[in-house]
Amino acid sequence: MRIDFREIASGRNIADYTVEDKSNQSRTRKIYGAIEEACYALDLPRPIWLDQNIREFKRHAKTRFGQDSFLEELSFDFLEIQVLEEDLW
């Protein structure tokens, strides 16, 4: 599985990070692990999954975390995550 993370500010990509996970863990564990790794690498707090994020991610394998998903003030508009490649079983 490959998951892409992008920090977007004023419509521009200001930082990105891609996580590749070839482990045998569940999809959910891979996603949470990738978020933890990407947030550490990008020096970001971990976002809170809101109902809207869950629905978007289930439907499109992509979502955006805005200021309402973080406890700390952000220096960008949103963090976008997208699954680029799913595992084939």
PDB file of N, CA and C in Angstrom:
ATOM      1  N   MET A   1       0.846  -1.174   0.000  1.00  0.00           N
ATOM      2  CA  MET A   1       0.000   0.000   0.000  1.00  0.00           C
ATOM      3  C   MET A   1       0.888   1.233   0.000  1.00  0.00           C
ATOM      4  N   ARG A   2       0.521   2.207  -0.820  1.00  0.00           N
ATOM      5  CA  ARG A   2       1.220   3.498  -0.840  1.00  0.00           C
ATOM      6  C   ARG A   2       0.206   4.597  -0.561  1.00  0.00           C
ATOM      7  N   ILE A   3       0.566   5.484   0.359  1.00  0.00           N
ATOM      8  CA  ILE A   3      -0.319   6.577   0.752  1.00  0.00           C
ATOM      9  C   ILE A   3       0.456   7.885   0.648  1.00  0.00           C
ATOM     10  N   ASP A   4      -0.162   8.852  -0.008  1.00  0.00           N
ATOM     11  CA  ASP A   4       0.459  10.153  -0.219  1.00  0.00           C
ATOM     12  C   ASP A   4      -0.139  11.181   0.739  1.00  0.00           C
ATOM     13  N   PHE A   5       0.704  12.032   1.299  1.00  0.00           N
ATOM     14  CA  PHE A   5       0.305  13.100   2.213  1.00  0.00           C
ATOM     15  C   PHE A   5       0.782  14.421   1.635  1.00  0.00           C
ATOM     16  N   ARG A   6      -0.094  15.416   1.612  1.00  0.00           N
ATOM     17  CA  ARG A   6       0.264  16.731   1.075  1.00  0.00           C
ATOM     18  C   ARG A   6      -0.246  17.832   2.001  1.00  0.00           C
ATOM     19  N   GLU A   7       0.637  18.773   2.290  1.00  0.00           N
ATOM     20  CA  GLU A   7       0.243  19.991   3.001  1.00  0.00           C
ATOM     21  C   GLU A   7      -0.079  21.025   1.931  1.00  0.00           C
ATOM     22  N   ILE A   8      -1.277  21.604   1.995  1.00  0.00           N
ATOM     23  CA  ILE A   8      -1.710  22.571   1.001  1.00  0.00           C
ATOM     24  C   ILE A   8      -1.963  23.917   1.681  1.00  0.00           C
ATOM     25  N   ALA A   9      -1.392  24.983   1.106  1.00  0.00           N
ATOM     26  CA  ALA A   9      -1.614  26.343   1.595  1.00  0.00           C
ATOM     27  C   ALA A   9      -1.837  27.252   0.394  1.00  0.00           C
ATOM     28  N   SER A  10      -2.900  28.028   0.429  1.00  0.00           N
ATOM     29  CA  SER A  10      -3.243  28.954  -0.660  1.00  0.00           C
ATOM     30  C   SER A  10      -3.261  28.257  -2.015  1.00  0.00           C
ATOM     31  N   GLY A  11      -3.779  27.019  -2.041  1.00  0.00           N
ATOM     32  CA  GLY A  11      -3.902  26.278  -3.288  1.00  0.00           C
ATOM     33  C   GLY A  11      -2.615  25.671  -3.811  1.00  0.00           C
ATOM     34  N   ARG A  12      -1.550  25.760  -3.034  1.00  0.00           N
ATOM     35  CA  ARG A  12      -0.255  25.217  -3.467  1.00  0.00           C
ATOM     36  C   ARG A  12       0.217  24.115  -2.533  1.00  0.00           C
ATOM     37  N   ASN A  13       0.874  23.153  -3.119  1.00  0.00           N
ATOM     38  CA  ASN A  13       1.469  22.061  -2.351  1.00  0.00           C
ATOM     39  C   ASN A  13       2.756  22.577  -1.715  1.00  0.00           C
ATOM     40  N   ILE A  14       2.798  22.632  -0.385  1.00  0.00           N
ATOM     41  CA  ILE A  14       3.996  23.150   0.271  1.00  0.00           C
ATOM     42  C   ILE A  14       4.882  22.041   0.841  1.00  0.00           C
ATOM     43  N   ALA A  15       4.328  20.847   0.998  1.00  0.00           N
ATOM     44  CA  ALA A  15       5.124  19.705   1.466  1.00  0.00           C
ATOM     45  C   ALA A  15       4.390  18.432   1.103  1.00  0.00           C
ATOM     46  N   ASP A  16       5.143  17.387   0.825  1.00  0.00           N
ATOM     47  CA  ASP A  16       4.501  16.091   0.592  1.00  0.00           C
ATOM     48  C   ASP A  16       5.390  14.980   1.117  1.00  0.00           C
ATOM     49  N   TYR A  17       4.738  13.861   1.351  1.00  0.00           N
ATOM     50  CA  TYR A  17       5.419  12.695   1.905  1.00  0.00           C
ATOM     51  C   TYR A  17       4.628  11.465   1.494  1.00  0.00           C
ATOM     52  N   THR A  18       5.314  10.416   1.073  1.00  0.00           N
ATOM     53  CA  THR A  18       4.657   9.179   0.674  1.00  0.00           C
ATOM     54  C   THR A  18       5.128   8.046   1.577  1.00  0.00           C
ATOM     55  N   VAL A  19       4.176   7.259   2.043  1.00  0.00           N
ATOM     56  CA  VAL A  19       4.474   6.112   2.895  1.00  0.00           C
ATOM     57  C   VAL A  19       4.141   4.848   2.105  1.00  0.00           C
ATOM     58  N   GLU A  20       5.071   3.908   2.132  1.00  0.00           N
ATOM     59  CA  GLU A  20       4.835   2.610   1.508  1.00  0.00           C
ATOM     60  C   GLU A  20       4.879   1.556   2.600  1.00  0.00           C
ATOM     61  N   ASP A  21       3.840   0.735   2.664  1.00  0.00           N
ATOM     62  CA  ASP A  21       3.734  -0.295   3.691  1.00  0.00           C
ATOM     63  C   ASP A  21       3.414  -1.625   3.020  1.00  0.00           C
ATOM     64  N   LYS A  22       4.351  -2.559   3.097  1.00  0.00           N
ATOM     65  CA  LYS A  22       4.163  -3.881   2.487  1.00  0.00           C
ATOM     66  C   LYS A  22       3.900  -4.959   3.538  1.00  0.00           C
ATOM     67  N   SER A  23       3.548  -4.529   4.733  1.00  0.00           N
ATOM     68  CA  SER A  23       3.306  -5.490   5.811  1.00  0.00           C
ATOM     69  C   SER A  23       1.990  -6.236   5.589  1.00  0.00           C
ATOM     70  N   ASN A  24       1.733  -7.210   6.432  1.00  0.00           N
ATOM     71  CA  ASN A  24       0.498  -7.995   6.362  1.00  0.00           C
ATOM     72  C   ASN A  24      -0.585  -7.476   7.303  1.00  0.00           C
ATOM     73  N   GLN A  25      -0.413  -6.267   7.804  1.00  0.00           N
ATOM     74  CA  GLN A  25      -1.408  -5.689   8.710  1.00  0.00           C
ATOM     75  C   GLN A  25      -2.688  -5.361   7.947  1.00  0.00           C
ATOM     76  N   SER A  26      -3.746  -5.089   8.691  1.00  0.00           N
ATOM     77  CA  SER A  26      -5.015  -4.707   8.078  1.00  0.00           C
ATOM     78  C   SER A  26      -4.878  -3.332   7.419  1.00  0.00           C
ATOM     79  N   ARG A  27      -5.801  -3.028   6.521  1.00  0.00           N
ATOM     80  CA  ARG A  27      -5.794  -1.734   5.825  1.00  0.00           C
ATOM     81  C   ARG A  27      -5.864  -0.587   6.835  1.00  0.00           C
ATOM     82  N   THR A  28      -6.720  -0.716   7.826  1.00  0.00           N
ATOM     83  CA  THR A  28      -6.882   0.333   8.831  1.00  0.00           C
ATOM     84  C   THR A  28      -5.588   0.569   9.599  1.00  0.00           C
ATOM     85  N   ARG A  29      -4.929  -0.499  10.014  1.00  0.00           N
ATOM     86  CA  ARG A  29      -3.657  -0.353  10.746  1.00  0.00           C
ATOM     87  C   ARG A  29      -2.582   0.291   9.871  1.00  0.00           C
ATOM     88  N   LYS A  30      -2.571  -0.061   8.602  1.00  0.00           N
ATOM     89  CA  LYS A  30      -1.599   0.547   7.681  1.00  0.00           C
ATOM     90  C   LYS A  30      -1.856   2.041   7.537  1.00  0.00           C
ATOM     91  N   ILE A  31      -3.104   2.424   7.447  1.00  0.00           N
ATOM     92  CA  ILE A  31      -3.442   3.841   7.292  1.00  0.00           C
ATOM     93  C   ILE A  31      -3.056   4.624   8.544  1.00  0.00           C
ATOM     94  N   TYR A  32      -3.431   4.115   9.714  1.00  0.00           N
ATOM     95  CA  TYR A  32      -3.063   4.799  10.959  1.00  0.00           C
ATOM     96  C   TYR A  32      -1.547   4.852  11.151  1.00  0.00           C
ATOM     97  N   GLY A  33      -0.853   3.785  10.798  1.00  0.00           N
ATOM     98  CA  GLY A  33       0.607   3.783  10.875  1.00  0.00           C
ATOM     99  C   GLY A  33       1.225   4.778   9.916  1.00  0.00           C
ATOM    100  N   ALA A  34       0.655   4.873   8.719  1.00  0.00           N
ATOM    101  CA  ALA A  34       1.162   5.825   7.729  1.00  0.00           C
ATOM    102  C   ALA A  34       0.945   7.264   8.187  1.00  0.00           C
ATOM    103  N   ILE A  35      -0.207   7.531   8.802  1.00  0.00           N
ATOM    104  CA  ILE A  35      -0.471   8.876   9.321  1.00  0.00           C
ATOM    105  C   ILE A  35       0.541   9.233  10.398  1.00  0.00           C
ATOM    106  N   GLU A  36       0.793   8.290  11.290  1.00  0.00           N
ATOM    107  CA  GLU A  36       1.772   8.545  12.353  1.00  0.00           C
ATOM    108  C   GLU A  36       3.159   8.830  11.771  1.00  0.00           C
ATOM    109  N   GLU A  37       3.586   8.012  10.800  1.00  0.00           N
ATOM    110  CA  GLU A  37       4.901   8.201  10.174  1.00  0.00           C
ATOM    111  C   GLU A  37       4.983   9.534   9.441  1.00  0.00           C
ATOM    112  N   ALA A  38       3.967   9.857   8.650  1.00  0.00           N
ATOM    113  CA  ALA A  38       3.975  11.095   7.868  1.00  0.00           C
ATOM    114  C   ALA A  38       3.937  12.324   8.768  1.00  0.00           C
ATOM    115  N   CYS A  39       3.123  12.295   9.808  1.00  0.00           N
ATOM    116  CA  CYS A  39       3.055  13.434  10.719  1.00  0.00           C
ATOM    117  C   CYS A  39       4.379  13.641  11.438  1.00  0.00           C
ATOM    118  N   TYR A  40       5.047  12.562  11.788  1.00  0.00           N
ATOM    119  CA  TYR A  40       6.366  12.678  12.411  1.00  0.00           C
ATOM    120  C   TYR A  40       7.366  13.282  11.412  1.00  0.00           C
ATOM    121  N   ALA A  41       7.372  12.770  10.185  1.00  0.00           N
ATOM    122  CA  ALA A  41       8.311  13.241   9.160  1.00  0.00           C
ATOM    123  C   ALA A  41       8.060  14.702   8.787  1.00  0.00           C
ATOM    124  N   LEU A  42       6.793  15.109   8.755  1.00  0.00           N
ATOM    125  CA  LEU A  42       6.443  16.483   8.380  1.00  0.00           C
ATOM    126  C   LEU A  42       6.341  17.413   9.585  1.00  0.00           C
ATOM    127  N   ASP A  43       6.610  16.879  10.777  1.00  0.00           N
ATOM    128  CA  ASP A  43       6.533  17.627  12.030  1.00  0.00           C
ATOM    129  C   ASP A  43       5.148  18.247  12.226  1.00  0.00           C
ATOM    130  N   LEU A  44       4.127  17.385  12.122  1.00  0.00           N
ATOM    131  CA  LEU A  44       2.742  17.804  12.271  1.00  0.00           C
ATOM    132  C   LEU A  44       2.083  17.055  13.423  1.00  0.00           C
ATOM    133  N   PRO A  45       1.072  17.672  14.035  1.00  0.00           N
ATOM    134  CA  PRO A  45       0.271  16.917  15.006  1.00  0.00           C
ATOM    135  C   PRO A  45      -0.607  15.930  14.248  1.00  0.00           C
ATOM    136  N   ARG A  46      -1.020  14.863  14.905  1.00  0.00           N
ATOM    137  CA  ARG A  46      -1.922  13.902  14.254  1.00  0.00           C
ATOM    138  C   ARG A  46      -3.335  14.469  14.176  1.00  0.00           C
ATOM    139  N   PRO A  47      -3.988  14.306  13.027  1.00  0.00           N
ATOM    140  CA  PRO A  47      -5.343  14.823  12.887  1.00  0.00           C
ATOM    141  C   PRO A  47      -6.370  13.939  13.582  1.00  0.00           C
ATOM    142  N   ILE A  48      -7.502  14.535  13.863  1.00  0.00           N
ATOM    143  CA  ILE A  48      -8.640  13.821  14.421  1.00  0.00           C
ATOM    144  C   ILE A  48      -9.565  13.464  13.260  1.00  0.00           C
ATOM    145  N   TRP A  49      -9.968  12.196  13.190  1.00  0.00           N
ATOM    146  CA  TRP A  49     -10.885  11.758  12.134  1.00  0.00           C
ATOM    147  C   TRP A  49     -12.299  12.192  12.483  1.00  0.00           C
ATOM    148  N   LEU A  50     -12.849  13.088  11.694  1.00  0.00           N
ATOM    149  CA  LEU A  50     -14.238  13.501  11.850  1.00  0.00           C
ATOM    150  C   LEU A  50     -15.106  12.625  10.953  1.00  0.00           C
ATOM    151  N   ASP A  51     -16.414  12.624  11.196  1.00  0.00           N
ATOM    152  CA  ASP A  51     -17.322  11.793  10.397  1.00  0.00           C
ATOM    153  C   ASP A  51     -17.172  12.066   8.901  1.00  0.00           C
ATOM    154  N   GLN A  52     -17.021  13.319   8.545  1.00  0.00           N
ATOM    155  CA  GLN A  52     -16.856  13.690   7.137  1.00  0.00           C
ATOM    156  C   GLN A  52     -15.601  13.043   6.543  1.00  0.00           C
ATOM    157  N   ASN A  53     -14.507  13.041   7.293  1.00  0.00           N
ATOM    158  CA  ASN A  53     -13.264  12.428   6.814  1.00  0.00           C
ATOM    159  C   ASN A  53     -13.441  10.935   6.596  1.00  0.00           C
ATOM    160  N   ILE A  54     -14.124  10.292   7.511  1.00  0.00           N
ATOM    161  CA  ILE A  54     -14.348   8.848   7.406  1.00  0.00           C
ATOM    162  C   ILE A  54     -15.173   8.533   6.163  1.00  0.00           C
ATOM    163  N   ARG A  55     -16.251   9.289   5.951  1.00  0.00           N
ATOM    164  CA  ARG A  55     -17.099   9.063   4.772  1.00  0.00           C
ATOM    165  C   ARG A  55     -16.328   9.274   3.477  1.00  0.00           C
ATOM    166  N   GLU A  56     -15.576  10.380   3.387  1.00  0.00           N
ATOM    167  CA  GLU A  56     -14.790  10.672   2.180  1.00  0.00           C
ATOM    168  C   GLU A  56     -13.762   9.581   1.921  1.00  0.00           C
ATOM    169  N   PHE A  57     -13.082   9.165   2.984  1.00  0.00           N
ATOM    170  CA  PHE A  57     -12.011   8.185   2.813  1.00  0.00           C
ATOM    171  C   PHE A  57     -12.571   6.830   2.386  1.00  0.00           C
ATOM    172  N   LYS A  58     -13.704   6.445   2.948  1.00  0.00           N
ATOM    173  CA  LYS A  58     -14.329   5.180   2.548  1.00  0.00           C
ATOM    174  C   LYS A  58     -14.760   5.228   1.083  1.00  0.00           C
ATOM    175  N   ARG A  59     -15.282   6.353   0.664  1.00  0.00           N
ATOM    176  CA  ARG A  59     -15.827   6.491  -0.681  1.00  0.00           C
ATOM    177  C   ARG A  59     -14.751   6.677  -1.745  1.00  0.00           C
ATOM    178  N   HIS A  60     -13.718   7.486  -1.449  1.00  0.00           N
ATOM    179  CA  HIS A  60     -12.751   7.876  -2.470  1.00  0.00           C
ATOM    180  C   HIS A  60     -11.301   7.503  -2.164  1.00  0.00           C
ATOM    181  N   ALA A  61     -11.041   6.897  -1.009  1.00  0.00           N
ATOM    182  CA  ALA A  61      -9.666   6.604  -0.555  1.00  0.00           C
ATOM    183  C   ALA A  61      -8.840   7.885  -0.511  1.00  0.00           C
ATOM    184  N   LYS A  62      -9.529   8.995  -0.170  1.00  0.00           N
ATOM    185  CA  LYS A  62      -8.880  10.302  -0.119  1.00  0.00           C
ATOM    186  C   LYS A  62      -9.698  11.194   0.813  1.00  0.00           C
ATOM    187  N   THR A  63      -9.014  12.026   1.596  1.00  0.00           N
ATOM    188  CA  THR A  63      -9.708  13.009   2.431  1.00  0.00           C
ATOM    189  C   THR A  63      -8.771  14.160   2.749  1.00  0.00           C
ATOM    190  N   ARG A  64      -9.364  15.243   3.244  1.00  0.00           N
ATOM    191  CA  ARG A  64      -8.610  16.431   3.650  1.00  0.00           C
ATOM    192  C   ARG A  64      -8.914  16.727   5.110  1.00  0.00           C
ATOM    193  N   PHE A  65      -7.854  16.974   5.861  1.00  0.00           N
ATOM    194  CA  PHE A  65      -7.985  17.360   7.258  1.00  0.00           C
ATOM    195  C   PHE A  65      -7.719  18.857   7.357  1.00  0.00           C
ATOM    196  N   GLY A  66      -8.740  19.624   7.707  1.00  0.00           N
ATOM    197  CA  GLY A  66      -8.601  21.066   7.880  1.00  0.00           C
ATOM    198  C   GLY A  66      -8.308  21.415   9.323  1.00  0.00           C
ATOM    199  N   GLN A  67      -8.357  22.699   9.623  1.00  0.00           N
ATOM    200  CA  GLN A  67      -8.056  23.180  10.968  1.00  0.00           C
ATOM    201  C   GLN A  67      -8.942  22.519  12.019  1.00  0.00           C
ATOM    202  N   ASP A  68     -10.185  22.190  11.667  1.00  0.00           N
ATOM    203  CA  ASP A  68     -11.098  21.582  12.643  1.00  0.00           C
ATOM    204  C   ASP A  68     -10.688  20.163  13.040  1.00  0.00           C
ATOM    205  N   SER A  69      -9.738  19.562  12.319  1.00  0.00           N
ATOM    206  CA  SER A  69      -9.261  18.214  12.646  1.00  0.00           C
ATOM    207  C   SER A  69      -7.989  18.226  13.499  1.00  0.00           C
ATOM    208  N   PHE A  70      -7.524  19.407  13.844  1.00  0.00           N
ATOM    209  CA  PHE A  70      -6.288  19.535  14.624  1.00  0.00           C
ATOM    210  C   PHE A  70      -6.548  20.382  15.866  1.00  0.00           C
ATOM    211  N   LEU A  71      -5.880  20.051  16.950  1.00  0.00           N
ATOM    212  CA  LEU A  71      -5.994  20.838  18.173  1.00  0.00           C
ATOM    213  C   LEU A  71      -5.087  22.059  18.131  1.00  0.00           C
ATOM    214  N   GLU A  72      -3.963  21.950  17.421  1.00  0.00           N
ATOM    215  CA  GLU A  72      -3.007  23.038  17.298  1.00  0.00           C
ATOM    216  C   GLU A  72      -3.332  23.895  16.076  1.00  0.00           C
ATOM    217  N   GLU A  73      -2.869  25.134  16.094  1.00  0.00           N
ATOM    218  CA  GLU A  73      -3.031  26.037  14.955  1.00  0.00           C
ATOM    219  C   GLU A  73      -2.117  25.577  13.822  1.00  0.00           C
ATOM    220  N   LEU A  74      -2.644  25.574  12.594  1.00  0.00           N
ATOM    221  CA  LEU A  74      -1.887  25.113  11.437  1.00  0.00           C
ATOM    222  C   LEU A  74      -1.272  26.284  10.681  1.00  0.00           C
ATOM    223  N   SER A  75      -0.144  26.020  10.037  1.00  0.00           N
ATOM    224  CA  SER A  75       0.495  27.025   9.187  1.00  0.00           C
ATOM    225  C   SER A  75       0.135  26.790   7.723  1.00  0.00           C
ATOM    226  N   PHE A  76      -0.830  25.917   7.461  1.00  0.00           N
ATOM    227  CA  PHE A  76      -1.282  25.604   6.114  1.00  0.00           C
ATOM    228  C   PHE A  76      -2.802  25.435   6.165  1.00  0.00           C
ATOM    229  N   ASP A  77      -3.428  25.279   5.000  1.00  0.00           N
ATOM    230  CA  ASP A  77      -4.891  25.200   4.947  1.00  0.00           C
ATOM    231  C   ASP A  77      -5.435  23.824   5.294  1.00  0.00           C
ATOM    232  N   PHE A  78      -4.819  22.779   4.756  1.00  0.00           N
ATOM    233  CA  PHE A  78      -5.271  21.427   5.051  1.00  0.00           C
ATOM    234  C   PHE A  78      -4.201  20.397   4.712  1.00  0.00           C
ATOM    235  N   LEU A  79      -4.356  19.215   5.309  1.00  0.00           N
ATOM    236  CA  LEU A  79      -3.522  18.061   5.023  1.00  0.00           C
ATOM    237  C   LEU A  79      -4.385  17.080   4.235  1.00  0.00           C
ATOM    238  N   GLU A  80      -3.919  16.742   3.057  1.00  0.00           N
ATOM    239  CA  GLU A  80      -4.665  15.816   2.201  1.00  0.00           C
ATOM    240  C   GLU A  80      -3.969  14.463   2.209  1.00  0.00           C
ATOM    241  N   ILE A  81      -4.734  13.401   2.375  1.00  0.00           N
ATOM    242  CA  ILE A  81      -4.161  12.061   2.275  1.00  0.00           C
ATOM    243  C   ILE A  81      -4.925  11.295   1.199  1.00  0.00           C
ATOM    244  N   GLN A  82      -4.169  10.482   0.464  1.00  0.00           N
ATOM    245  CA  GLN A  82      -4.772   9.715  -0.613  1.00  0.00           C
ATOM    246  C   GLN A  82      -4.042   8.386  -0.764  1.00  0.00           C
ATOM    247  N   VAL A  83      -4.809   7.317  -0.859  1.00  0.00           N
ATOM    248  CA  VAL A  83      -4.219   6.007  -1.133  1.00  0.00           C
ATOM    249  C   VAL A  83      -3.885   5.969  -2.618  1.00  0.00           C
ATOM    250  N   LEU A  84      -2.618   5.779  -2.928  1.00  0.00           N
ATOM    251  CA  LEU A  84      -2.177   5.728  -4.318  1.00  0.00           C
ATOM    252  C   LEU A  84      -2.220   4.324  -4.887  1.00  0.00           C
ATOM    253  N   GLU A  85      -1.951   3.356  -4.012  1.00  0.00           N
ATOM    254  CA  GLU A  85      -1.876   1.973  -4.462  1.00  0.00           C
ATOM    255  C   GLU A  85      -2.336   1.054  -3.331  1.00  0.00           C
ATOM    256  N   GLU A  86      -3.320   0.231  -3.631  1.00  0.00           N
ATOM    257  CA  GLU A  86      -3.823  -0.734  -2.662  1.00  0.00           C
ATOM    258  C   GLU A  86      -3.071  -2.049  -2.806  1.00  0.00           C
ATOM    259  N   ASP A  87      -3.072  -2.833  -1.739  1.00  0.00           N
ATOM    260  CA  ASP A  87      -2.482  -4.162  -1.792  1.00  0.00           C
ATOM    261  C   ASP A  87      -3.379  -5.081  -2.593  1.00  0.00           C
ATOM    262  N   LEU A  88      -2.779  -5.972  -3.314  1.00  0.00           N
ATOM    263  CA  LEU A  88      -3.535  -7.006  -4.022  1.00  0.00           C
ATOM    264  C   LEU A  88      -3.416  -8.288  -3.227  1.00  0.00           C
ATOM    265  N   TRP A  89      -4.527  -8.855  -2.869  1.00  0.00           N
ATOM    266  CA  TRP A  89      -4.517 -10.073  -2.041  1.00  0.00           C
ATOM    267  C   TRP A  89      -4.623 -11.267  -2.888  1.00  0.00           C
TER     268      TRP A  89
END
